[in-house]
Amino acid sequence: MDEKPIGLAVIGTGRWGTGMGYALQRCKEFQIVTCCTRTKAKGDRFAQEFRCDHDATIHDVLKNDAVEAVLLTTPNTVHAEHAVLAAEHGKHVLVEKPISASISDARRMIEACKDGGVVLAVAHNQRRLAGYRRIKALLNAGSMGKVVSVESNFSHNAGFKLTPEFWRWHENECPGGPMMTMGVHAADTIQYLLGPVESVSAFFERLCLKTEIIDTGVAILQFKSGTLGYLASNYVTPWNYFFNLYGTEGNLYFHLDLPFVNAPATAKYGDNWNYADRYSRLYIRKKGQDDKIEIPLEPGEILKEELEEFADCIRTGSMSETGGEEGLRALAVILGAIRSAESGSIVKIDEILAEEQ
């Protein structure tokens, strides 16, 4: 017999919360019990769309015995508050990236979930893309030789839609702008592939927008292995997503051309990301070859996989692949980049991780 679905509440029903709602519908392991958001109209629409209850506050949600877990798709600055509350009520936590807005908040979340005996998973789902899984396998096999450098860029021009009503407009709610919202994905994935970053040197600018946040960021990374890396993100250019790896035995070129501007009008937001493997290409140029050769990829569903793993952790007590520590290290790279851009100096990631606030 199939196990009974896990009762889950969605906290935050904006665009991404709604997108995750569709992913949850495809995942038999969960049942959406209720939702909660700051804007009543959004919550009402979500409740109607997904046939769930709508509670006025997170405190009401956490009193509900049918709720066993929460999905937090809320602004970064309240992740810690909501995760700690959930853990204190014995609810498992899947939190959108970044894990939080500060190292001290991230540590509070990790400790609260540990003390509460509940799962903490961070939604760093991009490492689940088939291209990155194949790159990881090639690296583990030693096929690329010594990796000397990598490049990663995740950018789009949705920043032009920002107004002061959006939390991403404000520096105190979204420090680092696109580097925090998009670059943090790369900060996780790049360390998943190559191990921990040791230091970072970064430059940030506000070139086009009128926002409080910067709109363009570039960081140079040095890994503990000695490998060097480039990580960039901006809110003002057309869609761009690539990861290139350069090794002594060959190079890898991974591209994701997700429909961003011309997505079908019928498309449900989140579906494109769930099925992002369909829009991905991975190429290899081996030493001694003139041409790049495409490597076939086996498409998956990265959001559904993320949710299925979360359910398995809840049921078995196992650790999430992207748990609190992984989220903490990805956040530290971006916070290190912010500090470097502000100070004009190279910043050690271990110094960021050692801080409590």
Protein backbone atom coordinates (compact mmCIF):
# COMPACT_ATOMS: atom_id res chain seq x y z
CA MET A 1 0.00 0.00 0.00
CA ASP A 2 1.13 3.54 -0.70
CA GLU A 3 2.00 5.58 2.36
CA LYS A 4 -0.38 8.32 3.39
CA PRO A 5 0.62 11.70 1.90
CA ILE A 6 2.44 14.08 4.21
CA GLY A 7 0.36 17.13 5.13
CA LEU A 8 2.17 20.29 4.04
CA ALA A 9 1.54 24.02 4.33
CA VAL A 10 2.84 26.54 1.80
CA ILE A 11 3.99 29.73 3.53
CA GLY A 12 4.22 32.47 0.90
CA THR A 13 1.98 32.19 -2.17
CA GLY A 14 3.67 34.55 -4.61
CA ARG A 15 4.85 33.54 -8.06
CA TRP A 16 7.31 30.91 -6.89
CA GLY A 17 5.08 29.59 -4.12
CA THR A 18 2.38 29.04 -6.72
CA GLY A 19 4.89 27.43 -9.06
CA MET A 20 5.86 25.01 -6.30
CA GLY A 21 2.17 24.32 -5.76
CA TYR A 22 2.03 22.76 -9.23
CA ALA A 23 5.13 20.69 -8.47
CA LEU A 24 3.48 19.51 -5.25
CA GLN A 25 0.43 18.40 -7.24
CA ARG A 26 2.72 16.09 -9.23
CA CYS A 27 4.24 14.63 -6.06
CA LYS A 28 2.03 11.95 -4.48
CA GLU A 29 4.11 12.11 -1.29
CA PHE A 30 2.49 15.41 -0.21
CA GLN A 31 -0.94 16.89 0.24
CA ILE A 32 -1.29 20.67 0.49
CA VAL A 33 -3.32 21.20 3.65
CA THR A 34 -3.27 24.97 3.94
CA CYS A 35 -1.44 28.12 2.98
CA CYS A 36 -0.51 31.46 4.48
CA THR A 37 0.67 34.72 2.93
CA ARG A 38 0.87 38.45 3.64
CA THR A 39 -1.69 39.36 0.95
CA LYS A 40 -5.15 37.91 1.54
CA ALA A 41 -6.14 37.98 -2.14
CA LYS A 42 -3.07 35.92 -3.10
CA GLY A 43 -3.84 33.40 -0.38
CA ASP A 44 -7.45 33.12 -1.48
CA ARG A 45 -6.39 32.49 -5.09
CA PHE A 46 -3.88 29.85 -3.98
CA ALA A 47 -6.44 28.10 -1.77
CA GLN A 48 -8.94 27.99 -4.60
CA GLU A 49 -6.40 26.78 -7.15
CA PHE A 50 -5.00 24.00 -4.96
CA ARG A 51 -8.16 23.22 -2.98
CA CYS A 52 -6.63 23.82 0.42
CA ASP A 53 -7.37 25.95 3.45
CA HIS A 54 -6.09 29.50 3.89
CA ASP A 55 -4.90 30.55 7.34
CA ALA A 56 -4.43 34.16 8.36
CA THR A 57 -1.06 33.73 10.11
CA ILE A 58 1.77 31.25 10.34
CA HIS A 59 0.82 30.74 14.00
CA ASP A 60 -2.58 29.44 12.88
CA VAL A 61 -0.87 27.13 10.38
CA LEU A 62 1.46 25.65 12.98
CA LYS A 63 -1.42 24.86 15.36
CA ASN A 64 -2.89 22.53 12.74
CA ASP A 65 -2.11 18.90 13.58
CA ALA A 66 -2.67 17.93 9.93
CA VAL A 67 0.34 20.02 8.95
CA GLU A 68 3.50 17.91 9.24
CA ALA A 69 5.81 20.06 7.12
CA VAL A 70 6.09 23.57 5.72
CA LEU A 71 7.43 24.96 2.47
CA LEU A 72 8.81 28.47 3.02
CA THR A 73 8.70 30.65 -0.10
CA THR A 74 8.91 33.88 1.86
CA PRO A 75 11.37 36.82 1.75
CA ASN A 76 14.91 35.86 2.77
CA THR A 77 14.87 38.00 5.90
CA VAL A 78 12.02 36.03 7.51
CA HIS A 79 13.25 32.52 6.65
CA ALA A 80 14.86 32.11 10.07
CA GLU A 81 11.85 33.38 12.01
CA HIS A 82 9.49 31.05 10.19
CA ALA A 83 11.80 28.02 10.22
CA VAL A 84 12.48 28.31 13.95
CA LEU A 85 8.75 28.62 14.68
CA ALA A 86 8.05 25.56 12.54
CA ALA A 87 10.76 23.51 14.24
CA GLU A 88 9.46 24.48 17.68
CA HIS A 89 6.06 23.09 16.62
CA GLY A 90 7.61 19.86 15.31
CA LYS A 91 7.11 20.69 11.62
CA HIS A 92 9.67 19.70 9.00
CA VAL A 93 11.08 22.56 6.89
CA LEU A 94 11.83 22.97 3.20
CA VAL A 95 13.06 26.53 2.72
CA GLU A 96 13.71 28.33 -0.53
CA LYS A 97 17.25 29.50 -1.18
CA PRO A 98 19.13 31.29 0.21
CA ILE A 99 18.77 29.53 3.53
CA SER A 100 18.56 32.94 5.23
CA ALA A 101 19.91 36.48 5.07
CA SER A 102 22.77 36.01 7.56
CA ILE A 103 25.11 33.37 8.95
CA SER A 104 23.72 33.75 12.46
CA ASP A 105 20.15 33.25 11.22
CA ALA A 106 21.19 30.18 9.23
CA ARG A 107 22.83 28.68 12.31
CA ARG A 108 19.69 29.39 14.35
CA MET A 109 17.65 27.49 11.78
CA ILE A 110 20.03 24.53 11.78
CA GLU A 111 20.09 24.32 15.57
CA ALA A 112 16.33 24.75 15.94
CA CYS A 113 15.60 21.95 13.48
CA LYS A 114 18.18 19.72 15.13
CA ASP A 115 16.73 20.41 18.59
CA GLY A 116 13.20 19.87 17.28
CA GLY A 117 14.12 16.57 15.61
CA VAL A 118 12.81 17.79 12.24
CA VAL A 119 14.26 17.82 8.73
CA LEU A 120 15.75 21.02 7.34
CA ALA A 121 16.14 21.03 3.55
CA VAL A 122 17.20 24.00 1.41
CA ALA A 123 15.81 24.31 -2.11
CA HIS A 124 19.10 24.35 -4.00
CA ASN A 125 17.50 22.34 -6.78
CA GLN A 126 19.73 23.37 -9.70
CA ARG A 127 22.43 20.88 -8.75
CA ARG A 128 19.78 18.25 -9.63
CA LEU A 129 19.87 19.24 -13.32
CA ALA A 130 20.95 16.28 -15.45
CA GLY A 131 23.86 18.29 -16.86
CA TYR A 132 25.37 18.88 -13.44
CA ARG A 133 24.82 15.26 -12.43
CA ARG A 134 26.72 14.17 -15.54
CA ILE A 135 29.50 16.68 -14.89
CA LYS A 136 29.82 15.33 -11.34
CA ALA A 137 30.11 11.78 -12.65
CA LEU A 138 32.82 12.81 -15.14
CA LEU A 139 34.75 14.59 -12.39
CA ASN A 140 34.47 11.60 -10.06
CA ALA A 141 35.82 9.38 -12.83
CA GLY A 142 38.79 11.69 -13.37
CA SER A 143 37.83 12.20 -17.01
CA MET A 144 38.60 15.93 -17.04
CA GLY A 145 42.05 15.68 -15.51
CA LYS A 146 43.04 18.57 -13.25
CA VAL A 147 40.30 21.20 -13.17
CA VAL A 148 41.98 24.60 -13.43
CA SER A 149 39.04 27.00 -13.79
CA VAL A 150 35.25 27.29 -14.09
CA GLU A 151 32.79 29.96 -15.24
CA SER A 152 29.17 30.38 -14.20
CA ASN A 153 26.59 33.01 -15.15
CA PHE A 154 22.87 33.11 -14.37
CA SER A 155 21.19 36.34 -15.47
CA HIS A 156 17.94 37.78 -16.82
CA ASN A 157 16.30 41.19 -17.15
CA ALA A 158 13.35 40.83 -14.76
CA GLY A 159 14.95 43.56 -12.66
CA PHE A 160 13.26 46.11 -14.89
CA LYS A 161 9.92 44.96 -13.45
CA LEU A 162 10.93 45.71 -9.86
CA THR A 163 9.22 48.52 -7.96
CA PRO A 164 9.48 49.55 -4.29
CA GLU A 165 6.50 47.26 -3.54
CA PHE A 166 8.77 44.23 -4.18
CA TRP A 167 11.01 43.08 -1.35
CA ARG A 168 13.78 42.42 -3.88
CA TRP A 169 13.96 46.19 -4.53
CA HIS A 170 15.34 46.89 -1.05
CA GLU A 171 18.95 46.48 0.05
CA ASN A 172 18.05 45.48 3.62
CA GLU A 173 15.79 42.68 2.36
CA CYS A 174 17.84 41.53 -0.62
CA PRO A 175 21.51 42.48 -0.18
CA GLY A 176 23.53 41.55 -3.23
CA GLY A 177 20.49 41.69 -5.50
CA PRO A 178 20.84 39.14 -8.30
CA MET A 179 23.92 37.60 -6.72
CA MET A 180 21.82 36.66 -3.68
CA THR A 181 18.70 35.51 -5.53
CA MET A 182 20.34 33.78 -8.51
CA GLY A 183 24.07 33.66 -7.90
CA VAL A 184 23.50 31.69 -4.70
CA HIS A 185 22.30 28.78 -6.86
CA ALA A 186 25.70 28.74 -8.55
CA ALA A 187 27.44 29.13 -5.18
CA ASP A 188 25.85 25.84 -4.15
CA THR A 189 26.27 23.98 -7.43
CA ILE A 190 29.86 25.03 -8.00
CA GLN A 191 30.86 23.77 -4.53
CA TYR A 192 28.89 20.55 -5.05
CA LEU A 193 31.07 19.94 -8.10
CA LEU A 194 34.46 21.25 -6.95
CA GLY A 195 34.46 21.42 -3.17
CA PRO A 196 34.62 24.41 -0.84
CA VAL A 197 35.49 27.94 -1.90
CA GLU A 198 38.37 29.40 0.10
CA SER A 199 38.22 33.09 -0.83
CA VAL A 200 36.32 35.55 -2.98
CA SER A 201 36.98 38.90 -4.62
CA ALA A 202 33.98 40.74 -6.09
CA PHE A 203 32.75 43.86 -7.84
CA PHE A 204 29.13 45.08 -7.74
CA GLU A 205 27.47 47.89 -9.70
CA ARG A 206 24.08 49.50 -10.25
CA LEU A 207 24.30 50.25 -13.97
CA CYS A 208 20.70 50.39 -15.18
CA LEU A 209 18.10 50.14 -12.43
CA LYS A 210 16.82 52.69 -9.92
CA THR A 211 16.58 50.07 -7.20
CA GLU A 212 18.36 50.14 -3.85
CA ILE A 213 20.02 46.83 -4.75
CA ILE A 214 22.84 46.48 -7.28
CA ASP A 215 21.87 45.08 -10.65
CA THR A 216 25.18 43.52 -11.74
CA GLY A 217 27.72 41.45 -9.83
CA VAL A 218 30.90 39.54 -10.64
CA ALA A 219 32.98 37.42 -8.26
CA ILE A 220 36.32 35.66 -8.66
CA LEU A 221 36.58 32.52 -6.54
CA GLN A 222 39.55 30.54 -5.32
CA PHE A 223 38.72 27.02 -4.22
CA LYS A 224 40.58 25.17 -1.50
CA SER A 225 41.80 22.84 -4.24
CA GLY A 226 43.46 25.80 -5.98
CA THR A 227 40.96 25.89 -8.85
CA LEU A 228 39.85 29.38 -9.86
CA GLY A 229 36.31 30.39 -10.76
CA TYR A 230 34.15 33.18 -12.15
CA LEU A 231 30.59 33.65 -10.87
CA ALA A 232 28.35 36.38 -12.22
CA SER A 233 24.71 37.41 -12.20
CA ASN A 234 22.70 40.42 -13.28
CA TYR A 235 19.08 41.60 -13.43
CA VAL A 236 19.28 43.62 -16.67
CA THR A 237 20.35 41.52 -19.69
CA PRO A 238 18.42 38.94 -21.70
CA TRP A 239 18.34 35.40 -20.32
CA ASN A 240 21.79 33.86 -19.88
CA TYR A 241 22.70 30.62 -18.12
CA PHE A 242 25.93 28.73 -18.58
CA PHE A 243 28.55 26.74 -16.69
CA ASN A 244 31.90 26.02 -18.31
CA LEU A 245 34.64 23.85 -16.82
CA TYR A 246 38.22 23.70 -18.04
CA GLY A 247 40.46 20.73 -17.24
CA THR A 248 43.78 19.39 -18.46
CA GLU A 249 42.03 16.47 -20.21
CA GLY A 250 39.11 18.42 -21.63
CA ASN A 251 36.52 21.16 -21.32
CA LEU A 252 32.79 20.97 -20.52
CA TYR A 253 30.16 23.47 -21.68
CA PHE A 254 26.71 23.38 -20.06
CA HIS A 255 23.92 25.70 -21.28
CA LEU A 256 20.32 26.12 -20.16
CA ASP A 257 18.03 28.09 -22.49
CA LEU A 258 14.89 28.09 -20.37
CA PRO A 259 11.88 29.80 -22.01
CA PHE A 260 11.76 33.09 -20.14
CA VAL A 261 10.29 35.70 -22.43
CA ASN A 262 8.37 33.59 -24.94
CA ALA A 263 7.04 30.87 -22.67
CA PRO A 264 3.64 29.56 -23.83
CA ALA A 265 0.75 31.55 -22.41
CA THR A 266 -0.68 28.33 -21.01
CA ALA A 267 2.53 27.43 -19.16
CA LYS A 268 2.29 27.23 -15.38
CA TYR A 269 5.18 29.01 -13.69
CA GLY A 270 7.50 26.45 -12.14
CA ASP A 271 6.86 23.85 -14.83
CA ASN A 272 9.66 25.20 -17.00
CA TRP A 273 12.06 24.82 -14.09
CA ASN A 274 10.74 21.39 -13.20
CA TYR A 275 11.39 20.26 -16.77
CA ALA A 276 14.54 22.37 -17.27
CA ASP A 277 16.49 19.35 -18.51
CA ARG A 278 14.49 19.57 -21.72
CA TYR A 279 16.14 22.91 -22.45
CA SER A 280 19.68 21.92 -21.39
CA ARG A 281 22.71 20.97 -23.47
CA LEU A 282 26.09 19.62 -22.34
CA TYR A 283 29.12 19.52 -24.65
CA ILE A 284 32.63 18.17 -24.19
CA ARG A 285 35.87 18.92 -26.00
CA LYS A 286 38.49 16.33 -25.11
CA LYS A 287 42.22 16.90 -25.35
CA GLY A 288 43.36 16.37 -28.93
CA GLN A 289 39.90 17.03 -30.44
CA ASP A 290 38.95 20.02 -32.59
CA ASP A 291 35.18 19.74 -32.21
CA LYS A 292 32.82 19.83 -29.26
CA ILE A 293 30.66 16.72 -28.90
CA GLU A 294 27.23 16.78 -27.28
CA ILE A 295 26.75 14.48 -24.29
CA PRO A 296 23.23 13.01 -24.14
CA LEU A 297 21.32 13.84 -20.96
CA GLU A 298 18.56 11.85 -19.31
CA PRO A 299 15.77 14.36 -18.51
CA GLY A 300 14.35 14.43 -15.02
CA GLU A 301 12.05 16.66 -12.96
CA ILE A 302 14.19 18.66 -10.57
CA LEU A 303 11.42 20.15 -8.42
CA LYS A 304 9.59 16.83 -8.10
CA GLU A 305 12.88 15.13 -7.21
CA GLU A 306 13.55 17.78 -4.57
CA LEU A 307 10.13 17.18 -3.01
CA GLU A 308 10.46 13.39 -3.17
CA GLU A 309 13.79 13.55 -1.37
CA PHE A 310 12.27 15.84 1.30
CA ALA A 311 9.48 13.31 1.85
CA ASP A 312 11.99 10.45 2.10
CA CYS A 313 13.99 12.38 4.71
CA ILE A 314 10.83 12.95 6.75
CA ARG A 315 9.89 9.27 6.63
CA THR A 316 13.33 7.71 7.13
CA GLY A 317 15.20 10.32 9.16
CA SER A 318 17.89 10.59 6.49
CA MET A 319 19.76 13.83 5.73
CA SER A 320 18.86 16.02 2.77
CA GLU A 321 21.45 16.35 0.04
CA THR A 322 20.99 20.10 0.36
CA GLY A 323 20.59 20.49 4.09
CA GLY A 324 21.45 23.32 6.43
CA GLU A 325 25.22 23.04 6.09
CA GLU A 326 25.08 23.10 2.29
CA GLY A 327 22.79 26.12 2.42
CA LEU A 328 25.10 27.81 4.91
CA ARG A 329 28.18 27.40 2.71
CA ALA A 330 26.40 28.70 -0.40
CA LEU A 331 25.20 31.74 1.56
CA ALA A 332 28.71 32.36 2.90
CA VAL A 333 30.12 32.69 -0.63
CA ILE A 334 27.58 35.38 -1.53
CA LEU A 335 28.02 37.21 1.78
CA GLY A 336 31.77 37.06 1.18
CA ALA A 337 31.26 38.57 -2.26
CA ILE A 338 29.12 41.37 -0.78
CA ARG A 339 31.80 42.17 1.79
CA SER A 340 34.54 42.08 -0.83
CA ALA A 341 32.63 44.46 -3.11
CA GLU A 342 32.11 46.85 -0.19
CA SER A 343 35.68 46.71 1.13
CA GLY A 344 37.67 46.23 -2.05
CA SER A 345 39.55 43.34 -0.44
CA ILE A 346 39.79 39.57 -0.78
CA VAL A 347 37.54 37.83 1.75
CA LYS A 348 38.13 34.40 3.29
CA ILE A 349 35.00 32.26 3.40
CA ASP A 350 36.02 30.59 6.67
CA GLU A 351 36.02 34.05 8.28
CA ILE A 352 32.44 34.57 7.11
CA LEU A 353 31.42 31.16 8.42
CA ALA A 354 33.04 31.85 11.79
CA GLU A 355 30.86 34.87 12.39
CA GLU A 356 27.74 34.69 14.50
CA GLN A 357 26.18 37.90 13.15
